[in-house]
C-alpha atoms as a PDB file:
ATOM      1  CA  MET A   1     -91.035 270.346  34.680  1.00  0.00           C
ATOM      2  CA  SER A   2     -92.390 267.207  33.071  1.00  0.00           C
ATOM      3  CA  THR A   3     -91.654 266.273  29.487  1.00  0.00           C
ATOM      4  CA  LEU A   4     -94.348 267.430  27.081  1.00  0.00           C
ATOM      5  CA  SER A   5     -96.059 264.547  25.314  1.00  0.00           C
ATOM      6  CA  ILE A   6     -97.513 264.993  21.854  1.00  0.00           C
ATOM      7  CA  PRO A   7    -100.921 263.303  21.543  1.00  0.00           C
ATOM      8  CA  PRO A   8    -102.267 262.059  18.222  1.00  0.00           C
ATOM      9  CA  VAL A   9    -103.399 265.043  16.163  1.00  0.00           C
ATOM     10  CA  LEU A  10    -106.851 264.613  14.664  1.00  0.00           C
ATOM     11  CA  THR A  11    -107.039 267.995  12.957  1.00  0.00           C
ATOM     12  CA  SER A  12    -105.253 269.048   9.793  1.00  0.00           C
ATOM     13  CA  PRO A  13    -102.710 271.900   9.529  1.00  0.00           C
ATOM     14  CA  ARG A  14    -105.374 273.879   7.683  1.00  0.00           C
ATOM     15  CA  ASP A  15    -107.867 273.411  10.517  1.00  0.00           C
ATOM     16  CA  ASP A  16    -105.224 274.518  13.009  1.00  0.00           C
ATOM     17  CA  ALA A  17    -104.419 277.578  10.907  1.00  0.00           C
ATOM     18  CA  VAL A  18    -108.090 278.570  10.862  1.00  0.00           C
ATOM     19  CA  LYS A  19    -108.387 278.152  14.638  1.00  0.00           C
ATOM     20  CA  LEU A  20    -105.289 280.261  15.213  1.00  0.00           C
ATOM     21  CA  TYR A  21    -106.600 283.000  12.931  1.00  0.00           C
ATOM     22  CA  LYS A  22    -109.890 283.054  14.858  1.00  0.00           C
ATOM     23  CA  ALA A  23    -107.975 283.202  18.134  1.00  0.00           C
ATOM     24  CA  PHE A  24    -106.334 286.425  16.927  1.00  0.00           C
ATOM     25  CA  LYS A  25    -109.625 288.027  15.910  1.00  0.00           C
ATOM     26  CA  GLY A  26    -111.430 288.296  19.232  1.00  0.00           C
ATOM     27  CA  PHE A  27    -111.579 291.351  21.481  1.00  0.00           C
ATOM     28  CA  GLU A  28    -108.462 289.942  23.109  1.00  0.00           C
ATOM     29  CA  CYS A  29    -106.105 287.311  21.752  1.00  0.00           C
ATOM     30  CA  ASP A  30    -107.221 283.843  22.857  1.00  0.00           C
ATOM     31  CA  THR A  31    -103.875 282.808  24.322  1.00  0.00           C
ATOM     32  CA  ALA A  32    -105.202 279.564  25.764  1.00  0.00           C
ATOM     33  CA  THR A  33    -106.225 278.330  22.306  1.00  0.00           C
ATOM     34  CA  LEU A  34    -102.871 279.302  20.804  1.00  0.00           C
ATOM     35  CA  VAL A  35    -100.954 277.431  23.485  1.00  0.00           C
ATOM     36  CA  HIS A  36    -103.255 274.404  23.344  1.00  0.00           C
ATOM     37  CA  ILE A  37    -102.694 274.025  19.603  1.00  0.00           C
ATOM     38  CA  LEU A  38     -99.001 274.824  19.299  1.00  0.00           C
ATOM     39  CA  ALA A  39     -97.844 273.037  22.440  1.00  0.00           C
ATOM     40  CA  HIS A  40     -99.390 269.794  21.222  1.00  0.00           C
ATOM     41  CA  ARG A  41     -97.776 269.783  17.790  1.00  0.00           C
ATOM     42  CA  ASP A  42     -94.255 268.699  16.924  1.00  0.00           C
ATOM     43  CA  ALA A  43     -91.823 270.767  14.832  1.00  0.00           C
ATOM     44  CA  THR A  44     -92.943 269.220  11.538  1.00  0.00           C
ATOM     45  CA  GLN A  45     -96.624 269.821  12.290  1.00  0.00           C
ATOM     46  CA  ARG A  46     -95.977 273.421  13.320  1.00  0.00           C
ATOM     47  CA  SER A  47     -94.083 273.987  10.073  1.00  0.00           C
ATOM     48  CA  LEU A  48     -97.075 272.727   8.081  1.00  0.00           C
ATOM     49  CA  ILE A  49     -99.394 275.000  10.063  1.00  0.00           C
ATOM     50  CA  GLU A  50     -97.144 277.961   9.226  1.00  0.00           C
ATOM     51  CA  GLN A  51     -97.281 277.075   5.522  1.00  0.00           C
ATOM     52  CA  GLU A  52    -101.088 276.838   5.566  1.00  0.00           C
ATOM     53  CA  TYR A  53    -101.436 280.071   7.521  1.00  0.00           C
ATOM     54  CA  ARG A  54     -99.185 281.925   5.080  1.00  0.00           C
ATOM     55  CA  ALA A  55    -101.102 280.567   2.084  1.00  0.00           C
ATOM     56  CA  MET A  56    -104.530 281.371   3.534  1.00  0.00           C
ATOM     57  CA  TYR A  57    -103.947 284.757   5.155  1.00  0.00           C
ATOM     58  CA  SER A  58    -100.865 286.173   3.369  1.00  0.00           C
ATOM     59  CA  GLU A  59     -98.976 286.840   6.583  1.00  0.00           C
ATOM     60  CA  GLU A  60     -96.328 285.078   8.640  1.00  0.00           C
ATOM     61  CA  LEU A  61     -97.692 283.234  11.646  1.00  0.00           C
ATOM     62  CA  SER A  62     -94.570 283.914  13.730  1.00  0.00           C
ATOM     63  CA  LYS A  63     -94.863 287.668  13.140  1.00  0.00           C
ATOM     64  CA  ARG A  64     -98.529 287.608  14.138  1.00  0.00           C
ATOM     65  CA  LEU A  65     -97.702 285.643  17.281  1.00  0.00           C
ATOM     66  CA  ALA A  66     -94.956 288.141  18.132  1.00  0.00           C
ATOM     67  CA  SER A  67     -97.413 291.040  17.821  1.00  0.00           C
ATOM     68  CA  GLU A  68    -100.208 289.370  19.800  1.00  0.00           C
ATOM     69  CA  LEU A  69     -98.287 287.845  22.719  1.00  0.00           C
ATOM     70  CA  SER A  70     -95.988 289.212  25.390  1.00  0.00           C
ATOM     71  CA  GLY A  71     -93.745 288.183  28.240  1.00  0.00           C
ATOM     72  CA  ASP A  72     -92.807 284.592  28.984  1.00  0.00           C
ATOM     73  CA  VAL A  73     -95.652 283.202  26.884  1.00  0.00           C
ATOM     74  CA  LYS A  74     -94.369 285.087  23.835  1.00  0.00           C
ATOM     75  CA  ARG A  75     -90.812 283.857  24.354  1.00  0.00           C
ATOM     76  CA  ALA A  76     -91.941 280.257  24.837  1.00  0.00           C
ATOM     77  CA  VAL A  77     -94.296 280.168  21.849  1.00  0.00           C
ATOM     78  CA  LEU A  78     -91.788 281.799  19.492  1.00  0.00           C
ATOM     79  CA  LEU A  79     -89.181 279.214  20.514  1.00  0.00           C
ATOM     80  CA  TRP A  80     -91.644 276.391  19.775  1.00  0.00           C
ATOM     81  CA  MET A  81     -92.097 277.487  16.194  1.00  0.00           C
ATOM     82  CA  PRO A  82     -88.714 277.012  14.443  1.00  0.00           C
ATOM     83  CA  ASP A  83     -86.837 273.810  13.723  1.00  0.00           C
ATOM     84  CA  PRO A  84     -84.271 272.709  16.370  1.00  0.00           C
ATOM     85  CA  ALA A  85     -81.235 274.214  14.613  1.00  0.00           C
ATOM     86  CA  THR A  86     -82.910 277.596  14.159  1.00  0.00           C
ATOM     87  CA  ARG A  87     -84.071 277.466  17.769  1.00  0.00           C
ATOM     88  CA  ASP A  88     -80.506 276.786  18.940  1.00  0.00           C
ATOM     89  CA  ALA A  89     -79.148 279.645  16.851  1.00  0.00           C
ATOM     90  CA  THR A  90     -81.783 282.021  18.233  1.00  0.00           C
ATOM     91  CA  ILE A  91     -81.209 281.001  21.856  1.00  0.00           C
ATOM     92  CA  VAL A  92     -77.441 281.350  21.596  1.00  0.00           C
ATOM     93  CA  ARG A  93     -77.622 284.677  19.757  1.00  0.00           C
ATOM     94  CA  ASN A  94     -79.999 286.121  22.362  1.00  0.00           C
ATOM     95  CA  ALA A  95     -77.788 284.766  25.140  1.00  0.00           C
ATOM     96  CA  LEU A  96     -74.650 286.363  23.689  1.00  0.00           C
ATOM     97  CA  SER A  97     -76.044 289.666  22.433  1.00  0.00           C
ATOM     98  CA  GLY A  98     -79.299 290.352  24.273  1.00  0.00           C
ATOM     99  CA  ASP A  99     -79.985 292.963  26.934  1.00  0.00           C
ATOM    100  CA  ILE A 100     -78.932 290.401  29.543  1.00  0.00           C
ATOM    101  CA  ILE A 101     -75.931 288.244  28.622  1.00  0.00           C
ATOM    102  CA  ASP A 102     -76.619 284.616  29.543  1.00  0.00           C
ATOM    103  CA  LEU A 103     -73.321 282.765  29.192  1.00  0.00           C
ATOM    104  CA  LYS A 104     -74.657 279.736  31.031  1.00  0.00           C
ATOM    105  CA  GLY A 105     -77.547 279.412  28.581  1.00  0.00           C
ATOM    106  CA  ALA A 106     -75.254 279.696  25.572  1.00  0.00           C
ATOM    107  CA  THR A 107     -72.820 277.222  27.125  1.00  0.00           C
ATOM    108  CA  GLU A 108     -75.520 274.644  27.728  1.00  0.00           C
ATOM    109  CA  VAL A 109     -76.667 274.694  24.110  1.00  0.00           C
ATOM    110  CA  ILE A 110     -73.161 274.568  22.651  1.00  0.00           C
ATOM    111  CA  CYS A 111     -71.820 271.888  24.992  1.00  0.00           C
ATOM    112  CA  SER A 112     -74.839 269.588  24.720  1.00  0.00           C
ATOM    113  CA  ARG A 113     -74.961 269.441  20.903  1.00  0.00           C
ATOM    114  CA  THR A 114     -73.132 267.082  18.558  1.00  0.00           C
ATOM    115  CA  PRO A 115     -70.507 268.513  16.174  1.00  0.00           C
ATOM    116  CA  SER A 116     -72.871 268.209  13.200  1.00  0.00           C
ATOM    117  CA  GLN A 117     -75.667 269.960  15.109  1.00  0.00           C
ATOM    118  CA  ILE A 118     -73.286 272.783  16.019  1.00  0.00           C
ATOM    119  CA  GLN A 119     -72.143 273.216  12.414  1.00  0.00           C
ATOM    120  CA  HIS A 120     -75.776 273.318  11.273  1.00  0.00           C
ATOM    121  CA  PHE A 121     -76.887 275.982  13.713  1.00  0.00           C
ATOM    122  CA  LYS A 122     -73.670 277.972  13.080  1.00  0.00           C
ATOM    123  CA  GLN A 123     -74.702 278.328   9.441  1.00  0.00           C
ATOM    124  CA  ILE A 124     -78.155 279.527  10.462  1.00  0.00           C
ATOM    125  CA  TYR A 125     -76.589 281.844  13.058  1.00  0.00           C
ATOM    126  CA  TYR A 126     -74.628 283.643  10.358  1.00  0.00           C
ATOM    127  CA  ALA A 127     -77.466 283.611   7.810  1.00  0.00           C
ATOM    128  CA  TRP A 128     -80.010 285.063  10.233  1.00  0.00           C
ATOM    129  CA  PHE A 129     -77.928 287.414  12.338  1.00  0.00           C
ATOM    130  CA  HIS A 130     -75.029 288.290   9.998  1.00  0.00           C
ATOM    131  CA  ALA A 131     -72.591 287.497  12.797  1.00  0.00           C
ATOM    132  CA  TYR A 132     -70.014 284.818  13.391  1.00  0.00           C
ATOM    133  CA  LEU A 133     -70.672 282.668  16.431  1.00  0.00           C
ATOM    134  CA  GLU A 134     -66.939 282.572  17.191  1.00  0.00           C
ATOM    135  CA  HIS A 135     -66.771 286.383  17.316  1.00  0.00           C
ATOM    136  CA  ASP A 136     -69.698 286.605  19.738  1.00  0.00           C
ATOM    137  CA  ILE A 137     -68.082 283.994  21.988  1.00  0.00           C
ATOM    138  CA  GLU A 138     -64.793 285.920  21.919  1.00  0.00           C
ATOM    139  CA  ASN A 139     -66.611 289.126  22.859  1.00  0.00           C
ATOM    140  CA  GLN A 140     -68.538 287.683  25.813  1.00  0.00           C
ATOM    141  CA  ALA A 141     -66.598 284.723  27.240  1.00  0.00           C
ATOM    142  CA  SER A 142     -63.093 284.678  28.667  1.00  0.00           C
ATOM    143  CA  GLY A 143     -60.289 282.442  29.865  1.00  0.00           C
ATOM    144  CA  ASP A 144     -60.558 278.654  29.773  1.00  0.00           C
ATOM    145  CA  HIS A 145     -64.320 278.907  29.327  1.00  0.00           C
ATOM    146  CA  GLN A 146     -63.853 280.896  26.123  1.00  0.00           C
ATOM    147  CA  LYS A 147     -61.212 278.471  24.825  1.00  0.00           C
ATOM    148  CA  LEU A 148     -63.494 275.484  25.432  1.00  0.00           C
ATOM    149  CA  LEU A 149     -66.488 277.060  23.678  1.00  0.00           C
ATOM    150  CA  LEU A 150     -64.343 278.064  20.706  1.00  0.00           C
ATOM    151  CA  ALA A 151     -62.984 274.517  20.491  1.00  0.00           C
ATOM    152  CA  CYS A 152     -66.532 273.125  20.494  1.00  0.00           C
ATOM    153  CA  VAL A 153     -67.775 275.377  17.698  1.00  0.00           C
ATOM    154  CA  SER A 154     -64.615 275.441  15.568  1.00  0.00           C
ATOM    155  CA  THR A 155     -63.373 271.845  15.580  1.00  0.00           C
ATOM    156  CA  MET A 156     -65.069 269.016  13.725  1.00  0.00           C
ATOM    157  CA  ARG A 157     -65.058 266.044  16.097  1.00  0.00           C
ATOM    158  CA  TYR A 158     -65.764 262.398  15.381  1.00  0.00           C
ATOM    159  CA  GLU A 159     -69.295 261.333  16.302  1.00  0.00           C
ATOM    160  CA  GLY A 160     -69.555 257.895  14.679  1.00  0.00           C
ATOM    161  CA  PRO A 161     -70.817 254.724  16.357  1.00  0.00           C
ATOM    162  CA  GLN A 162     -67.528 252.841  16.744  1.00  0.00           C
ATOM    163  CA  VAL A 163     -65.948 254.558  19.750  1.00  0.00           C
ATOM    164  CA  ASP A 164     -67.297 257.246  22.063  1.00  0.00           C
ATOM    165  CA  ARG A 165     -63.894 258.722  22.984  1.00  0.00           C
ATOM    166  CA  LEU A 166     -65.124 260.917  25.829  1.00  0.00           C
ATOM    167  CA  THR A 167     -66.984 258.050  27.521  1.00  0.00           C
ATOM    168  CA  ALA A 168     -63.917 255.817  27.002  1.00  0.00           C
ATOM    169  CA  ILE A 169     -61.713 258.443  28.650  1.00  0.00           C
ATOM    170  CA  SER A 170     -64.085 258.637  31.627  1.00  0.00           C
ATOM    171  CA  SER A 171     -63.980 254.871  32.030  1.00  0.00           C
ATOM    172  CA  ALA A 172     -60.180 254.741  31.738  1.00  0.00           C
ATOM    173  CA  TYR A 173     -59.789 257.571  34.251  1.00  0.00           C
ATOM    174  CA  HIS A 174     -61.941 255.732  36.787  1.00  0.00           C
ATOM    175  CA  SER A 175     -59.957 252.496  36.262  1.00  0.00           C
ATOM    176  CA  MET A 176     -56.614 254.254  36.688  1.00  0.00           C
ATOM    177  CA  TYR A 177     -57.367 256.549  39.604  1.00  0.00           C
ATOM    178  CA  GLY A 178     -60.393 255.011  41.320  1.00  0.00           C
ATOM    179  CA  ASN A 179     -62.311 258.219  41.023  1.00  0.00           C
ATOM    180  CA  SER A 180     -64.760 259.552  38.453  1.00  0.00           C
ATOM    181  CA  LEU A 181     -63.679 262.135  35.925  1.00  0.00           C
ATOM    182  CA  GLU A 182     -66.735 264.169  36.900  1.00  0.00           C
ATOM    183  CA  LYS A 183     -65.553 264.410  40.512  1.00  0.00           C
ATOM    184  CA  ALA A 184     -62.116 265.451  39.302  1.00  0.00           C
ATOM    185  CA  VAL A 185     -63.638 268.215  37.190  1.00  0.00           C
ATOM    186  CA  LYS A 186     -65.643 269.439  40.189  1.00  0.00           C
ATOM    187  CA  SER A 187     -62.592 269.529  42.424  1.00  0.00           C
ATOM    188  CA  GLU A 188     -60.201 271.130  39.941  1.00  0.00           C
ATOM    189  CA  THR A 189     -62.370 273.644  38.087  1.00  0.00           C
ATOM    190  CA  SER A 190     -65.070 276.187  38.867  1.00  0.00           C
ATOM    191  CA  GLY A 191     -67.597 278.561  37.394  1.00  0.00           C
ATOM    192  CA  LEU A 192     -68.639 278.463  33.769  1.00  0.00           C
ATOM    193  CA  PHE A 193     -65.633 276.382  32.776  1.00  0.00           C
ATOM    194  CA  GLU A 194     -66.708 273.691  35.241  1.00  0.00           C
ATOM    195  CA  PHE A 195     -70.312 273.911  34.010  1.00  0.00           C
ATOM    196  CA  ALA A 196     -69.192 273.517  30.384  1.00  0.00           C
ATOM    197  CA  LEU A 197     -67.024 270.479  31.132  1.00  0.00           C
ATOM    198  CA  LEU A 198     -69.734 268.794  33.203  1.00  0.00           C
ATOM    199  CA  THR A 199     -72.316 269.405  30.476  1.00  0.00           C
ATOM    200  CA  ILE A 200     -70.038 267.771  27.886  1.00  0.00           C
ATOM    201  CA  LEU A 201     -69.306 264.798  30.150  1.00  0.00           C
ATOM    202  CA  ARG A 202     -72.910 264.176  31.159  1.00  0.00           C
ATOM    203  CA  CYS A 203     -74.246 264.494  27.632  1.00  0.00           C
ATOM    204  CA  ALA A 204     -71.549 262.122  26.347  1.00  0.00           C
ATOM    205  CA  GLU A 205     -72.540 259.522  28.924  1.00  0.00           C
ATOM    206  CA  ASN A 206     -76.314 259.814  28.496  1.00  0.00           C
ATOM    207  CA  HIS A 207     -77.796 262.709  26.552  1.00  0.00           C
ATOM    208  CA  GLY A 208     -81.401 261.835  27.365  1.00  0.00           C
ATOM    209  CA  LYS A 209     -80.717 261.401  31.086  1.00  0.00           C
ATOM    210  CA  TYR A 210     -79.017 264.798  31.228  1.00  0.00           C
ATOM    211  CA  PHE A 211     -82.065 266.641  29.894  1.00  0.00           C
ATOM    212  CA  ALA A 212     -84.471 264.527  31.947  1.00  0.00           C
ATOM    213  CA  LYS A 213     -82.660 265.624  35.122  1.00  0.00           C
ATOM    214  CA  LEU A 214     -82.624 269.198  33.851  1.00  0.00           C
ATOM    215  CA  ASN A 215     -86.391 269.130  33.451  1.00  0.00           C
ATOM    216  CA  GLU A 216     -86.829 267.660  36.932  1.00  0.00           C
ATOM    217  CA  SER A 217     -84.661 270.316  38.541  1.00  0.00           C
ATOM    218  CA  SER A 218     -86.538 273.157  36.810  1.00  0.00           C
ATOM    219  CA  GLY A 219     -89.956 271.755  37.667  1.00  0.00           C
END
């Protein structure tokens, strides 16, 4: 899957709100118009559209989208709408408490975020779902995988510019043993615990490269 580029937007949030409202009013919902507008706006622009829509039509755009759409399109569009922290909280909550438990999905979000990002979406997680993220992890994960996730969400870690400790450890490991830390993880661990460790390592080395490869593999 290629990375979505956001072209220059020539219409105002109000214009977009009007177009979305008209798309809802036909005999059938004009899904193509909805996707064309929302997929080509960034989070800030979508937030402004939501504000205009609420002011003009006295209803929440997200609720209208939820009632008009279905299936994969509904899930994708509803995940486009919130800010990144709210999106993370929603994805992780659904992964840990939905009809189908998706521990890999929850692990990827948790292990690819910085400590400050995790603390932010933890607050939203509790505010929205009245549940503690740690409790949901304890209920669904187990063993070393559970311990690692709990450490990620419960411990404030340094993320300043002076020293990237995890990258430094990887470099030191390679110098001492002539082998990469990633290969050692692959040979010594397995399953979700391995996936969590590899996600942390790869994001520490190059966060953008990790998600670029992820998009390529899912394309």
